Amino acid sequence: MGARLARAVGPPQVLSDDTPDAPLVEGEGACSHRPVQREFAELLRLARASGPLGRALGFAANARLAESRDALLTVLDVAGQAAAGLATGAWLSTRLCALMSLAEVGAKLGEASLALACAREALALWERSGLDRGDPRFVSFSAWEGWARDYLGRAAVQVQ
């Protein structure tokens, strides 16, 4: 493995002729790749959500709605409220997919407060994302948006 890695990476390069031995980051124990590790950790955290998300969607497809709800709640817990840097896109798609699915599952289970909260948050994320609604890649998101706005509208009428 070591020889393969050395061939893949190549010989060390000097970043500056004036200070060839200077570290990239000053301080004892400093490590210049720490920010990259943090970003990668965020991606791995979000990757842990992909298993439960896949199971949740499978449960929903098989009308196992309570199991789907539980798996989707796990996805939201793992994904958290925000991610930064490289993980932003993965976080957005993970959280948006989970919220959209959970809104529908909650509605089918008759759990209106869950469905309404998820629909509202998903719509807010969808709005803030700035993604092009006319892009064919997002046609399912646009279709869901129609369902969600209708669902929220019907819920508002029932409250009055």
Foldseek 3Di string as FASTA:
>chain_A
DVVVVCVVVDDDDQPDPVCSPDDPDDDPPDDPCVVVVVQVVLVVLLVVLVVLQVVLVVCVVVVVLVSSLVSLVVNDVSLDDADDDPCRVSSLVSLLSSLLSNLVSCVVVVVNVSNLVSLVVSVVSVVVVPDDCPDPVCVVVVVSVVVSVVSVVVVVVVVD
